[in-house]
Amino acid sequence: MMKKLVLTGIFTAAMMAGCATLPPPTEELDAAKIALDRAVNADATQFAPATLDEARGYYSQADAALKKGNETDARPLLNRAAAAADLAYAQAIAQVKANDAEARAKQLAELRAKLEGGAP
């Protein structure tokens, strides 16, 4: 009898745990949207298009999962979208900085050439 009661309790607990649902991934959704917007505003479309496309792909897959009510699959996809968008942002910023440094180096070379009386 005791064994049957214990097994029934374990079964009931397992069933209740299986029915428990996670809250909607609203934080992940917001984080992915913010990361995508930040990447686009940093010109990732121009300077990190492949990485930005990867982020958008993950976001699109997550959106499709959410529309089907599959929040379990959507959550990691949203996290991947945010991570890829953050990477696209960093790549875009790095490229902008590299372009700026290159332009400043060119200006410096031109100024040196003028000061020395030569042509750049």
PDB file of N, CA and C in Angstrom:
ATOM      1  N   MET A   1       0.832  -1.197   0.000  1.00  0.00           N
ATOM      2  CA  MET A   1       0.000   0.000   0.000  1.00  0.00           C
ATOM      3  C   MET A   1       0.872   1.255   0.000  1.00  0.00           C
ATOM      4  N   MET A   2       1.893   1.237   0.869  1.00  0.00           N
ATOM      5  CA  MET A   2       2.773   2.398   0.975  1.00  0.00           C
ATOM      6  C   MET A   2       3.507   2.626  -0.347  1.00  0.00           C
ATOM      7  N   LYS A   3       3.916   1.543  -0.981  1.00  0.00           N
ATOM      8  CA  LYS A   3       4.637   1.641  -2.249  1.00  0.00           C
ATOM      9  C   LYS A   3       3.726   2.236  -3.318  1.00  0.00           C
ATOM     10  N   LYS A   4       2.460   1.819  -3.323  1.00  0.00           N
ATOM     11  CA  LYS A   4       1.497   2.320  -4.297  1.00  0.00           C
ATOM     12  C   LYS A   4       1.244   3.817  -4.071  1.00  0.00           C
ATOM     13  N   LEU A   5       1.169   4.232  -2.825  1.00  0.00           N
ATOM     14  CA  LEU A   5       0.956   5.637  -2.482  1.00  0.00           C
ATOM     15  C   LEU A   5       2.145   6.489  -2.927  1.00  0.00           C
ATOM     16  N   VAL A   6       3.348   5.992  -2.714  1.00  0.00           N
ATOM     17  CA  VAL A   6       4.557   6.719  -3.123  1.00  0.00           C
ATOM     18  C   VAL A   6       4.600   6.847  -4.636  1.00  0.00           C
ATOM     19  N   LEU A   7       4.319   5.767  -5.351  1.00  0.00           N
ATOM     20  CA  LEU A   7       4.319   5.792  -6.810  1.00  0.00           C
ATOM     21  C   LEU A   7       3.256   6.743  -7.352  1.00  0.00           C
ATOM     22  N   THR A   8       2.091   6.753  -6.710  1.00  0.00           N
ATOM     23  CA  THR A   8       1.037   7.666  -7.120  1.00  0.00           C
ATOM     24  C   THR A   8       1.470   9.116  -6.914  1.00  0.00           C
ATOM     25  N   GLY A   9       2.128   9.378  -5.802  1.00  0.00           N
ATOM     26  CA  GLY A   9       2.621  10.734  -5.527  1.00  0.00           C
ATOM     27  C   GLY A   9       3.673  11.162  -6.531  1.00  0.00           C
ATOM     28  N   ILE A  10       4.574  10.265  -6.876  1.00  0.00           N
ATOM     29  CA  ILE A  10       5.619  10.575  -7.868  1.00  0.00           C
ATOM     30  C   ILE A  10       4.978  10.828  -9.233  1.00  0.00           C
ATOM     31  N   PHE A  11       4.033   9.991  -9.598  1.00  0.00           N
ATOM     32  CA  PHE A  11       3.353  10.152 -10.875  1.00  0.00           C
ATOM     33  C   PHE A  11       2.617  11.491 -10.940  1.00  0.00           C
ATOM     34  N   THR A  12       1.909  11.824  -9.861  1.00  0.00           N
ATOM     35  CA  THR A  12       1.173  13.094  -9.808  1.00  0.00           C
ATOM     36  C   THR A  12       2.124  14.275  -9.908  1.00  0.00           C
ATOM     37  N   ALA A  13       3.220  14.217  -9.198  1.00  0.00           N
ATOM     38  CA  ALA A  13       4.202  15.302  -9.244  1.00  0.00           C
ATOM     39  C   ALA A  13       4.789  15.444 -10.644  1.00  0.00           C
ATOM     40  N   ALA A  14       5.068  14.322 -11.285  1.00  0.00           N
ATOM     41  CA  ALA A  14       5.620  14.364 -12.643  1.00  0.00           C
ATOM     42  C   ALA A  14       4.619  14.961 -13.615  1.00  0.00           C
ATOM     43  N   MET A  15       3.372  14.608 -13.476  1.00  0.00           N
ATOM     44  CA  MET A  15       2.328  15.140 -14.352  1.00  0.00           C
ATOM     45  C   MET A  15       2.169  16.643 -14.162  1.00  0.00           C
ATOM     46  N   MET A  16       2.207  17.088 -12.911  1.00  0.00           N
ATOM     47  CA  MET A  16       2.061  18.516 -12.636  1.00  0.00           C
ATOM     48  C   MET A  16       3.257  19.293 -13.174  1.00  0.00           C
ATOM     49  N   ALA A  17       4.435  18.726 -13.062  1.00  0.00           N
ATOM     50  CA  ALA A  17       5.632  19.387 -13.582  1.00  0.00           C
ATOM     51  C   ALA A  17       5.558  19.470 -15.101  1.00  0.00           C
ATOM     52  N   GLY A  18       5.027  18.444 -15.730  1.00  0.00           N
ATOM     53  CA  GLY A  18       4.885  18.441 -17.175  1.00  0.00           C
ATOM     54  C   GLY A  18       3.874  19.464 -17.658  1.00  0.00           C
ATOM     55  N   CYS A  19       2.925  19.787 -16.843  1.00  0.00           N
ATOM     56  CA  CYS A  19       1.902  20.757 -17.219  1.00  0.00           C
ATOM     57  C   CYS A  19       2.332  22.193 -16.953  1.00  0.00           C
ATOM     58  N   ALA A  20       3.369  22.361 -16.172  1.00  0.00           N
ATOM     59  CA  ALA A  20       3.825  23.713 -15.858  1.00  0.00           C
ATOM     60  C   ALA A  20       4.356  24.367 -17.122  1.00  0.00           C
ATOM     61  N   THR A  21       4.002  25.614 -17.304  1.00  0.00           N
ATOM     62  CA  THR A  21       4.473  26.335 -18.482  1.00  0.00           C
ATOM     63  C   THR A  21       5.321  27.510 -18.063  1.00  0.00           C
ATOM     64  N   LEU A  22       6.248  27.833 -18.925  1.00  0.00           N
ATOM     65  CA  LEU A  22       7.091  29.001 -18.690  1.00  0.00           C
ATOM     66  C   LEU A  22       6.330  30.248 -19.103  1.00  0.00           C
ATOM     67  N   PRO A  23       6.657  31.372 -18.516  1.00  0.00           N
ATOM     68  CA  PRO A  23       6.021  32.605 -18.957  1.00  0.00           C
ATOM     69  C   PRO A  23       6.473  32.936 -20.375  1.00  0.00           C
ATOM     70  N   PRO A  24       5.723  33.743 -21.094  1.00  0.00           N
ATOM     71  CA  PRO A  24       6.119  34.122 -22.449  1.00  0.00           C
ATOM     72  C   PRO A  24       7.508  34.775 -22.425  1.00  0.00           C
ATOM     73  N   PRO A  25       8.277  34.597 -23.483  1.00  0.00           N
ATOM     74  CA  PRO A  25       9.640  35.134 -23.505  1.00  0.00           C
ATOM     75  C   PRO A  25       9.674  36.629 -23.849  1.00  0.00           C
ATOM     76  N   THR A  26       8.940  37.418 -23.084  1.00  0.00           N
ATOM     77  CA  THR A  26       8.866  38.849 -23.402  1.00  0.00           C
ATOM     78  C   THR A  26      10.206  39.555 -23.220  1.00  0.00           C
ATOM     79  N   GLU A  27      10.968  39.164 -22.191  1.00  0.00           N
ATOM     80  CA  GLU A  27      12.279  39.799 -21.998  1.00  0.00           C
ATOM     81  C   GLU A  27      13.206  39.480 -23.155  1.00  0.00           C
ATOM     82  N   GLU A  28      13.202  38.229 -23.598  1.00  0.00           N
ATOM     83  CA  GLU A  28      14.041  37.823 -24.710  1.00  0.00           C
ATOM     84  C   GLU A  28      13.615  38.516 -25.999  1.00  0.00           C
ATOM     85  N   LEU A  29      12.300  38.649 -26.178  1.00  0.00           N
ATOM     86  CA  LEU A  29      11.769  39.325 -27.356  1.00  0.00           C
ATOM     87  C   LEU A  29      12.205  40.787 -27.375  1.00  0.00           C
ATOM     88  N   ASP A  30      12.074  41.459 -26.244  1.00  0.00           N
ATOM     89  CA  ASP A  30      12.492  42.864 -26.151  1.00  0.00           C
ATOM     90  C   ASP A  30      13.987  43.016 -26.370  1.00  0.00           C
ATOM     91  N   ALA A  31      14.777  42.123 -25.780  1.00  0.00           N
ATOM     92  CA  ALA A  31      16.232  42.200 -25.924  1.00  0.00           C
ATOM     93  C   ALA A  31      16.644  42.003 -27.381  1.00  0.00           C
ATOM     94  N   ALA A  32      16.000  41.080 -28.064  1.00  0.00           N
ATOM     95  CA  ALA A  32      16.322  40.837 -29.477  1.00  0.00           C
ATOM     96  C   ALA A  32      15.950  42.040 -30.329  1.00  0.00           C
ATOM     97  N   LYS A  33      14.774  42.626 -30.081  1.00  0.00           N
ATOM     98  CA  LYS A  33      14.358  43.809 -30.841  1.00  0.00           C
ATOM     99  C   LYS A  33      15.329  44.967 -30.628  1.00  0.00           C
ATOM    100  N   ILE A  34      15.696  45.203 -29.382  1.00  0.00           N
ATOM    101  CA  ILE A  34      16.618  46.300 -29.063  1.00  0.00           C
ATOM    102  C   ILE A  34      17.972  46.070 -29.722  1.00  0.00           C
ATOM    103  N   ALA A  35      18.475  44.840 -29.648  1.00  0.00           N
ATOM    104  CA  ALA A  35      19.772  44.522 -30.244  1.00  0.00           C
ATOM    105  C   ALA A  35      19.728  44.698 -31.764  1.00  0.00           C
ATOM    106  N   LEU A  36      18.646  44.263 -32.397  1.00  0.00           N
ATOM    107  CA  LEU A  36      18.510  44.440 -33.843  1.00  0.00           C
ATOM    108  C   LEU A  36      18.450  45.916 -34.221  1.00  0.00           C
ATOM    109  N   ASP A  37      17.675  46.684 -33.495  1.00  0.00           N
ATOM    110  CA  ASP A  37      17.581  48.120 -33.767  1.00  0.00           C
ATOM    111  C   ASP A  37      18.936  48.806 -33.600  1.00  0.00           C
ATOM    112  N   ARG A  38      19.655  48.435 -32.546  1.00  0.00           N
ATOM    113  CA  ARG A  38      20.962  49.040 -32.294  1.00  0.00           C
ATOM    114  C   ARG A  38      21.940  48.696 -33.413  1.00  0.00           C
ATOM    115  N   ALA A  39      21.902  47.463 -33.881  1.00  0.00           N
ATOM    116  CA  ALA A  39      22.787  47.046 -34.973  1.00  0.00           C
ATOM    117  C   ALA A  39      22.465  47.808 -36.258  1.00  0.00           C
ATOM    118  N   VAL A  40      21.189  47.940 -36.559  1.00  0.00           N
ATOM    119  CA  VAL A  40      20.790  48.678 -37.764  1.00  0.00           C
ATOM    120  C   VAL A  40      21.214  50.140 -37.650  1.00  0.00           C
ATOM    121  N   ASN A  41      21.033  50.743 -36.487  1.00  0.00           N
ATOM    122  CA  ASN A  41      21.421  52.145 -36.279  1.00  0.00           C
ATOM    123  C   ASN A  41      22.934  52.349 -36.348  1.00  0.00           C
ATOM    124  N   ALA A  42      23.705  51.283 -36.148  1.00  0.00           N
ATOM    125  CA  ALA A  42      25.167  51.360 -36.231  1.00  0.00           C
ATOM    126  C   ALA A  42      25.656  51.037 -37.647  1.00  0.00           C
ATOM    127  N   ASP A  43      24.735  50.990 -38.597  1.00  0.00           N
ATOM    128  CA  ASP A  43      25.047  50.701 -40.000  1.00  0.00           C
ATOM    129  C   ASP A  43      25.523  49.270 -40.232  1.00  0.00           C
ATOM    130  N   ALA A  44      25.010  48.339 -39.449  1.00  0.00           N
ATOM    131  CA  ALA A  44      25.358  46.934 -39.666  1.00  0.00           C
ATOM    132  C   ALA A  44      24.857  46.447 -41.015  1.00  0.00           C
ATOM    133  N   THR A  45      23.829  47.078 -41.549  1.00  0.00           N
ATOM    134  CA  THR A  45      23.333  46.720 -42.876  1.00  0.00           C
ATOM    135  C   THR A  45      24.446  46.865 -43.905  1.00  0.00           C
ATOM    136  N   GLN A  46      25.275  47.878 -43.731  1.00  0.00           N
ATOM    137  CA  GLN A  46      26.388  48.125 -44.637  1.00  0.00           C
ATOM    138  C   GLN A  46      27.659  47.395 -44.216  1.00  0.00           C
ATOM    139  N   PHE A  47      27.977  47.420 -42.926  1.00  0.00           N
ATOM    140  CA  PHE A  47      29.275  46.949 -42.458  1.00  0.00           C
ATOM    141  C   PHE A  47      29.291  45.515 -41.917  1.00  0.00           C
ATOM    142  N   ALA A  48      28.148  44.954 -41.618  1.00  0.00           N
ATOM    143  CA  ALA A  48      28.079  43.565 -41.119  1.00  0.00           C
ATOM    144  C   ALA A  48      26.801  42.890 -41.622  1.00  0.00           C
ATOM    145  N   PRO A  49      26.585  42.912 -42.935  1.00  0.00           N
ATOM    146  CA  PRO A  49      25.309  42.413 -43.454  1.00  0.00           C
ATOM    147  C   PRO A  49      25.061  40.927 -43.197  1.00  0.00           C
ATOM    148  N   ALA A  50      26.091  40.096 -43.300  1.00  0.00           N
ATOM    149  CA  ALA A  50      25.886  38.652 -43.100  1.00  0.00           C
ATOM    150  C   ALA A  50      25.474  38.344 -41.661  1.00  0.00           C
ATOM    151  N   THR A  51      26.127  38.990 -40.722  1.00  0.00           N
ATOM    152  CA  THR A  51      25.813  38.749 -39.313  1.00  0.00           C
ATOM    153  C   THR A  51      24.435  39.299 -38.973  1.00  0.00           C
ATOM    154  N   LEU A  52      24.101  40.451 -39.533  1.00  0.00           N
ATOM    155  CA  LEU A  52      22.775  41.028 -39.311  1.00  0.00           C
ATOM    156  C   LEU A  52      21.694  40.136 -39.920  1.00  0.00           C
ATOM    157  N   ASP A  53      21.968  39.583 -41.101  1.00  0.00           N
ATOM    158  CA  ASP A  53      21.005  38.658 -41.720  1.00  0.00           C
ATOM    159  C   ASP A  53      20.816  37.409 -40.861  1.00  0.00           C
ATOM    160  N   GLU A  54      21.903  36.942 -40.250  1.00  0.00           N
ATOM    161  CA  GLU A  54      21.809  35.786 -39.359  1.00  0.00           C
ATOM    162  C   GLU A  54      20.905  36.114 -38.162  1.00  0.00           C
ATOM    163  N   ALA A  55      21.094  37.296 -37.598  1.00  0.00           N
ATOM    164  CA  ALA A  55      20.267  37.723 -36.466  1.00  0.00           C
ATOM    165  C   ALA A  55      18.803  37.819 -36.878  1.00  0.00           C
ATOM    166  N   ARG A  56      18.568  38.397 -38.028  1.00  0.00           N
ATOM    167  CA  ARG A  56      17.188  38.514 -38.523  1.00  0.00           C
ATOM    168  C   ARG A  56      16.575  37.148 -38.782  1.00  0.00           C
ATOM    169  N   GLY A  57      17.376  36.217 -39.254  1.00  0.00           N
ATOM    170  CA  GLY A  57      16.887  34.857 -39.490  1.00  0.00           C
ATOM    171  C   GLY A  57      16.443  34.182 -38.203  1.00  0.00           C
ATOM    172  N   TYR A  58      17.280  34.296 -37.175  1.00  0.00           N
ATOM    173  CA  TYR A  58      16.897  33.733 -35.877  1.00  0.00           C
ATOM    174  C   TYR A  58      15.624  34.392 -35.352  1.00  0.00           C
ATOM    175  N   TYR A  59      15.541  35.704 -35.512  1.00  0.00           N
ATOM    176  CA  TYR A  59      14.364  36.427 -35.029  1.00  0.00           C
ATOM    177  C   TYR A  59      13.119  35.961 -35.783  1.00  0.00           C
ATOM    178  N   SER A  60      13.258  35.786 -37.080  1.00  0.00           N
ATOM    179  CA  SER A  60      12.132  35.327 -37.894  1.00  0.00           C
ATOM    180  C   SER A  60      11.686  33.922 -37.494  1.00  0.00           C
ATOM    181  N   GLN A  61      12.649  33.047 -37.222  1.00  0.00           N
ATOM    182  CA  GLN A  61      12.315  31.694 -36.768  1.00  0.00           C
ATOM    183  C   GLN A  61      11.611  31.741 -35.414  1.00  0.00           C
ATOM    184  N   ALA A  62      12.085  32.602 -34.534  1.00  0.00           N
ATOM    185  CA  ALA A  62      11.463  32.740 -33.215  1.00  0.00           C
ATOM    186  C   ALA A  62      10.045  33.266 -33.351  1.00  0.00           C
ATOM    187  N   ASP A  63       9.872  34.239 -34.234  1.00  0.00           N
ATOM    188  CA  ASP A  63       8.538  34.808 -34.460  1.00  0.00           C
ATOM    189  C   ASP A  63       7.577  33.728 -34.967  1.00  0.00           C
ATOM    190  N   ALA A  64       8.054  32.905 -35.881  1.00  0.00           N
ATOM    191  CA  ALA A  64       7.209  31.814 -36.396  1.00  0.00           C
ATOM    192  C   ALA A  64       6.864  30.830 -35.281  1.00  0.00           C
ATOM    193  N   ALA A  65       7.842  30.524 -34.427  1.00  0.00           N
ATOM    194  CA  ALA A  65       7.580  29.613 -33.309  1.00  0.00           C
ATOM    195  C   ALA A  65       6.559  30.211 -32.348  1.00  0.00           C
ATOM    196  N   LEU A  66       6.683  31.502 -32.081  1.00  0.00           N
ATOM    197  CA  LEU A  66       5.732  32.164 -31.182  1.00  0.00           C
ATOM    198  C   LEU A  66       4.326  32.160 -31.763  1.00  0.00           C
ATOM    199  N   LYS A  67       4.227  32.368 -33.066  1.00  0.00           N
ATOM    200  CA  LYS A  67       2.911  32.371 -33.712  1.00  0.00           C
ATOM    201  C   LYS A  67       2.247  31.005 -33.637  1.00  0.00           C
ATOM    202  N   LYS A  68       3.067  29.949 -33.543  1.00  0.00           N
ATOM    203  CA  LYS A  68       2.541  28.589 -33.392  1.00  0.00           C
ATOM    204  C   LYS A  68       2.318  28.239 -31.926  1.00  0.00           C
ATOM    205  N   GLY A  69       2.665  29.172 -31.024  1.00  0.00           N
ATOM    206  CA  GLY A  69       2.498  28.922 -29.598  1.00  0.00           C
ATOM    207  C   GLY A  69       3.636  28.116 -28.996  1.00  0.00           C
ATOM    208  N   ASN A  70       4.727  28.010 -29.707  1.00  0.00           N
ATOM    209  CA  ASN A  70       5.857  27.213 -29.238  1.00  0.00           C
ATOM    210  C   ASN A  70       6.911  28.129 -28.610  1.00  0.00           C
ATOM    211  N   GLU A  71       6.642  28.527 -27.395  1.00  0.00           N
ATOM    212  CA  GLU A  71       7.536  29.442 -26.687  1.00  0.00           C
ATOM    213  C   GLU A  71       8.839  28.761 -26.279  1.00  0.00           C
ATOM    214  N   THR A  72       8.807  27.458 -26.111  1.00  0.00           N
ATOM    215  CA  THR A  72      10.007  26.716 -25.721  1.00  0.00           C
ATOM    216  C   THR A  72      11.079  26.808 -26.804  1.00  0.00           C
ATOM    217  N   ASP A  73      10.675  26.694 -28.065  1.00  0.00           N
ATOM    218  CA  ASP A  73      11.633  26.826 -29.166  1.00  0.00           C
ATOM    219  C   ASP A  73      11.982  28.287 -29.436  1.00  0.00           C
ATOM    220  N   ALA A  74      11.057  29.198 -29.178  1.00  0.00           N
ATOM    221  CA  ALA A  74      11.276  30.614 -29.478  1.00  0.00           C
ATOM    222  C   ALA A  74      12.337  31.233 -28.576  1.00  0.00           C
ATOM    223  N   ARG A  75      12.351  30.860 -27.327  1.00  0.00           N
ATOM    224  CA  ARG A  75      13.262  31.478 -26.352  1.00  0.00           C
ATOM    225  C   ARG A  75      14.735  31.382 -26.774  1.00  0.00           C
ATOM    226  N   PRO A  76      15.285  30.194 -27.081  1.00  0.00           N
ATOM    227  CA  PRO A  76      16.700  30.151 -27.487  1.00  0.00           C
ATOM    228  C   PRO A  76      16.950  30.848 -28.823  1.00  0.00           C
ATOM    229  N   LEU A  77      15.964  30.825 -29.708  1.00  0.00           N
ATOM    230  CA  LEU A  77      16.125  31.526 -30.984  1.00  0.00           C
ATOM    231  C   LEU A  77      16.211  33.035 -30.771  1.00  0.00           C
ATOM    232  N   LEU A  78      15.425  33.543 -29.835  1.00  0.00           N
ATOM    233  CA  LEU A  78      15.493  34.967 -29.516  1.00  0.00           C
ATOM    234  C   LEU A  78      16.841  35.322 -28.893  1.00  0.00           C
ATOM    235  N   ASN A  79      17.347  34.435 -28.046  1.00  0.00           N
ATOM    236  CA  ASN A  79      18.668  34.667 -27.457  1.00  0.00           C
ATOM    237  C   ASN A  79      19.753  34.672 -28.532  1.00  0.00           C
ATOM    238  N   ARG A  80      19.641  33.771 -29.504  1.00  0.00           N
ATOM    239  CA  ARG A  80      20.604  33.735 -30.611  1.00  0.00           C
ATOM    240  C   ARG A  80      20.478  34.985 -31.473  1.00  0.00           C
ATOM    241  N   ALA A  81      19.250  35.430 -31.689  1.00  0.00           N
ATOM    242  CA  ALA A  81      19.038  36.647 -32.479  1.00  0.00           C
ATOM    243  C   ALA A  81      19.688  37.845 -31.801  1.00  0.00           C
ATOM    244  N   ALA A  82      19.512  37.957 -30.498  1.00  0.00           N
ATOM    245  CA  ALA A  82      20.116  39.073 -29.758  1.00  0.00           C
ATOM    246  C   ALA A  82      21.639  38.993 -29.801  1.00  0.00           C
ATOM    247  N   ALA A  83      22.186  37.794 -29.634  1.00  0.00           N
ATOM    248  CA  ALA A  83      23.646  37.630 -29.654  1.00  0.00           C
ATOM    249  C   ALA A  83      24.211  37.960 -31.029  1.00  0.00           C
ATOM    250  N   ALA A  84      23.565  37.489 -32.075  1.00  0.00           N
ATOM    251  CA  ALA A  84      24.037  37.782 -33.432  1.00  0.00           C
ATOM    252  C   ALA A  84      23.901  39.267 -33.743  1.00  0.00           C
ATOM    253  N   ALA A  85      22.827  39.882 -33.283  1.00  0.00           N
ATOM    254  CA  ALA A  85      22.651  41.324 -33.496  1.00  0.00           C
ATOM    255  C   ALA A  85      23.708  42.115 -32.727  1.00  0.00           C
ATOM    256  N   ASP A  86      24.034  41.684 -31.518  1.00  0.00           N
ATOM    257  CA  ASP A  86      25.109  42.341 -30.758  1.00  0.00           C
ATOM    258  C   ASP A  86      26.443  42.213 -31.485  1.00  0.00           C
ATOM    259  N   LEU A  87      26.684  41.045 -32.079  1.00  0.00           N
ATOM    260  CA  LEU A  87      27.915  40.850 -32.843  1.00  0.00           C
ATOM    261  C   LEU A  87      27.923  41.749 -34.081  1.00  0.00           C
ATOM    262  N   ALA A  88      26.798  41.837 -34.770  1.00  0.00           N
ATOM    263  CA  ALA A  88      26.704  42.715 -35.943  1.00  0.00           C
ATOM    264  C   ALA A  88      26.967  44.163 -35.547  1.00  0.00           C
ATOM    265  N   TYR A  89      26.429  44.572 -34.408  1.00  0.00           N
ATOM    266  CA  TYR A  89      26.670  45.927 -33.890  1.00  0.00           C
ATOM    267  C   TYR A  89      28.164  46.148 -33.667  1.00  0.00           C
ATOM    268  N   ALA A  90      28.810  45.193 -32.995  1.00  0.00           N
ATOM    269  CA  ALA A  90      30.242  45.324 -32.703  1.00  0.00           C
ATOM    270  C   ALA A  90      31.061  45.349 -33.990  1.00  0.00           C
ATOM    271  N   GLN A  91      30.706  44.504 -34.948  1.00  0.00           N
ATOM    272  CA  GLN A  91      31.425  44.490 -36.218  1.00  0.00           C
ATOM    273  C   GLN A  91      31.256  45.813 -36.964  1.00  0.00           C
ATOM    274  N   ALA A  92      30.048  46.346 -36.944  1.00  0.00           N
ATOM    275  CA  ALA A  92      29.801  47.618 -37.624  1.00  0.00           C
ATOM    276  C   ALA A  92      30.579  48.753 -36.964  1.00  0.00           C
ATOM    277  N   ILE A  93      30.546  48.811 -35.655  1.00  0.00           N
ATOM    278  CA  ILE A  93      31.286  49.851 -34.929  1.00  0.00           C
ATOM    279  C   ILE A  93      32.781  49.722 -35.212  1.00  0.00           C
ATOM    280  N   ALA A  94      33.299  48.494 -35.199  1.00  0.00           N
ATOM    281  CA  ALA A  94      34.721  48.269 -35.470  1.00  0.00           C
ATOM    282  C   ALA A  94      35.090  48.738 -36.871  1.00  0.00           C
ATOM    283  N   GLN A  95      34.226  48.460 -37.836  1.00  0.00           N
ATOM    284  CA  GLN A  95      34.513  48.880 -39.213  1.00  0.00           C
ATOM    285  C   GLN A  95      34.452  50.399 -39.351  1.00  0.00           C
ATOM    286  N   VAL A  96      33.480  51.020 -38.703  1.00  0.00           N
ATOM    287  CA  VAL A  96      33.385  52.483 -38.725  1.00  0.00           C
ATOM    288  C   VAL A  96      34.651  53.095 -38.117  1.00  0.00           C
ATOM    289  N   LYS A  97      35.094  52.538 -36.991  1.00  0.00           N
ATOM    290  CA  LYS A  97      36.315  53.040 -36.339  1.00  0.00           C
ATOM    291  C   LYS A  97      37.536  52.826 -37.237  1.00  0.00           C
ATOM    292  N   ALA A  98      37.615  51.663 -37.888  1.00  0.00           N
ATOM    293  CA  ALA A  98      38.744  51.382 -38.783  1.00  0.00           C
ATOM    294  C   ALA A  98      38.738  52.343 -39.966  1.00  0.00           C
ATOM    295  N   ASN A  99      37.562  52.604 -40.518  1.00  0.00           N
ATOM    296  CA  ASN A  99      37.461  53.559 -41.623  1.00  0.00           C
ATOM    297  C   ASN A  99      37.868  54.955 -41.190  1.00  0.00           C
ATOM    298  N   ASP A 100      37.447  55.333 -39.981  1.00  0.00           N
ATOM    299  CA  ASP A 100      37.807  56.640 -39.438  1.00  0.00           C
ATOM    300  C   ASP A 100      39.317  56.739 -39.230  1.00  0.00           C
ATOM    301  N   ALA A 101      39.911  55.701 -38.692  1.00  0.00           N
ATOM    302  CA  ALA A 101      41.362  55.699 -38.472  1.00  0.00           C
ATOM    303  C   ALA A 101      42.108  55.780 -39.802  1.00  0.00           C
ATOM    304  N   GLU A 102      41.610  55.081 -40.800  1.00  0.00           N
ATOM    305  CA  GLU A 102      42.236  55.119 -42.127  1.00  0.00           C
ATOM    306  C   GLU A 102      42.141  56.516 -42.734  1.00  0.00           C
ATOM    307  N   ALA A 103      40.989  57.145 -42.598  1.00  0.00           N
ATOM    308  CA  ALA A 103      40.811  58.496 -43.125  1.00  0.00           C
ATOM    309  C   ALA A 103      41.721  59.481 -42.396  1.00  0.00           C
ATOM    310  N   ARG A 104      41.844  59.343 -41.097  1.00  0.00           N
ATOM    311  CA  ARG A 104      42.721  60.241 -40.319  1.00  0.00           C
ATOM    312  C   ARG A 104      44.195  60.021 -40.676  1.00  0.00           C
ATOM    313  N   ALA A 105      44.568  58.775 -40.904  1.00  0.00           N
ATOM    314  CA  ALA A 105      45.947  58.487 -41.304  1.00  0.00           C
ATOM    315  C   ALA A 105      46.247  59.112 -42.666  1.00  0.00           C
ATOM    316  N   LYS A 106      45.283  59.057 -43.568  1.00  0.00           N
ATOM    317  CA  LYS A 106      45.453  59.673 -44.889  1.00  0.00           C
ATOM    318  C   LYS A 106      45.588  61.192 -44.747  1.00  0.00           C
ATOM    319  N   GLN A 107      44.734  61.790 -43.907  1.00  0.00           N
ATOM    320  CA  GLN A 107      44.829  63.238 -43.668  1.00  0.00           C
ATOM    321  C   GLN A 107      46.183  63.613 -43.072  1.00  0.00           C
ATOM    322  N   LEU A 108      46.643  62.820 -42.141  1.00  0.00           N
ATOM    323  CA  LEU A 108      47.934  63.073 -41.516  1.00  0.00           C
ATOM    324  C   LEU A 108      49.058  62.983 -42.537  1.00  0.00           C
ATOM    325  N   ALA A 109      49.009  62.001 -43.404  1.00  0.00           N
ATOM    326  CA  ALA A 109      50.024  61.859 -44.443  1.00  0.00           C
ATOM    327  C   ALA A 109      50.010  63.052 -45.384  1.00  0.00           C
ATOM    328  N   GLU A 110      48.821  63.525 -45.715  1.00  0.00           N
ATOM    329  CA  GLU A 110      48.709  64.698 -46.590  1.00  0.00           C
ATOM    330  C   GLU A 110      49.272  65.940 -45.911  1.00  0.00           C
ATOM    331  N   LEU A 111      48.962  66.108 -44.626  1.00  0.00           N
ATOM    332  CA  LEU A 111      49.481  67.265 -43.885  1.00  0.00           C
ATOM    333  C   LEU A 111      50.999  67.204 -43.779  1.00  0.00           C
ATOM    334  N   ARG A 112      51.554  66.044 -43.524  1.00  0.00           N
ATOM    335  CA  ARG A 112      53.015  65.890 -43.454  1.00  0.00           C
ATOM    336  C   ARG A 112      53.652  66.233 -44.778  1.00  0.00           C
ATOM    337  N   ALA A 113      53.026  65.768 -45.850  1.00  0.00           N
ATOM    338  CA  ALA A 113      53.579  66.045 -47.177  1.00  0.00           C
ATOM    339  C   ALA A 113      53.553  67.532 -47.474  1.00  0.00           C
ATOM    340  N   LYS A 114      52.496  68.228 -47.075  1.00  0.00           N
ATOM    341  CA  LYS A 114      52.414  69.675 -47.278  1.00  0.00           C
ATOM    342  C   LYS A 114      53.468  70.385 -46.459  1.00  0.00           C
ATOM    343  N   LEU A 115      53.647  69.947 -45.211  1.00  0.00           N
ATOM    344  CA  LEU A 115      54.631  70.584 -44.345  1.00  0.00           C
ATOM    345  C   LEU A 115      56.063  70.384 -44.868  1.00  0.00           C
ATOM    346  N   GLU A 116      56.292  69.243 -45.444  1.00  0.00           N
ATOM    347  CA  GLU A 116      57.627  68.947 -45.960  1.00  0.00           C
ATOM    348  C   GLU A 116      57.812  69.486 -47.364  1.00  0.00           C
ATOM    349  N   GLY A 117      56.732  70.043 -47.933  1.00  0.00           N
ATOM    350  CA  GLY A 117      56.818  70.643 -49.267  1.00  0.00           C
ATOM    351  C   GLY A 117      56.743  69.652 -50.398  1.00  0.00           C
ATOM    352  N   GLY A 118      56.386  68.457 -50.114  1.00  0.00           N
ATOM    353  CA  GLY A 118      56.283  67.430 -51.146  1.00  0.00           C
ATOM    354  C   GLY A 118      54.851  67.106 -51.466  1.00  0.00           C
ATOM    355  N   ALA A 119      54.707  66.245 -52.415  1.00  0.00           N
ATOM    356  CA  ALA A 119      53.352  65.812 -52.806  1.00  0.00           C
ATOM    357  C   ALA A 119      52.973  64.569 -52.005  1.00  0.00           C
ATOM    358  N   PRO A 120      51.702  64.416 -51.715  1.00  0.00           N
ATOM    359  CA  PRO A 120      51.275  63.235 -50.964  1.00  0.00           C
ATOM    360  C   PRO A 120      51.395  61.961 -51.750  1.00  0.00           C
TER     361      PRO A 120
END
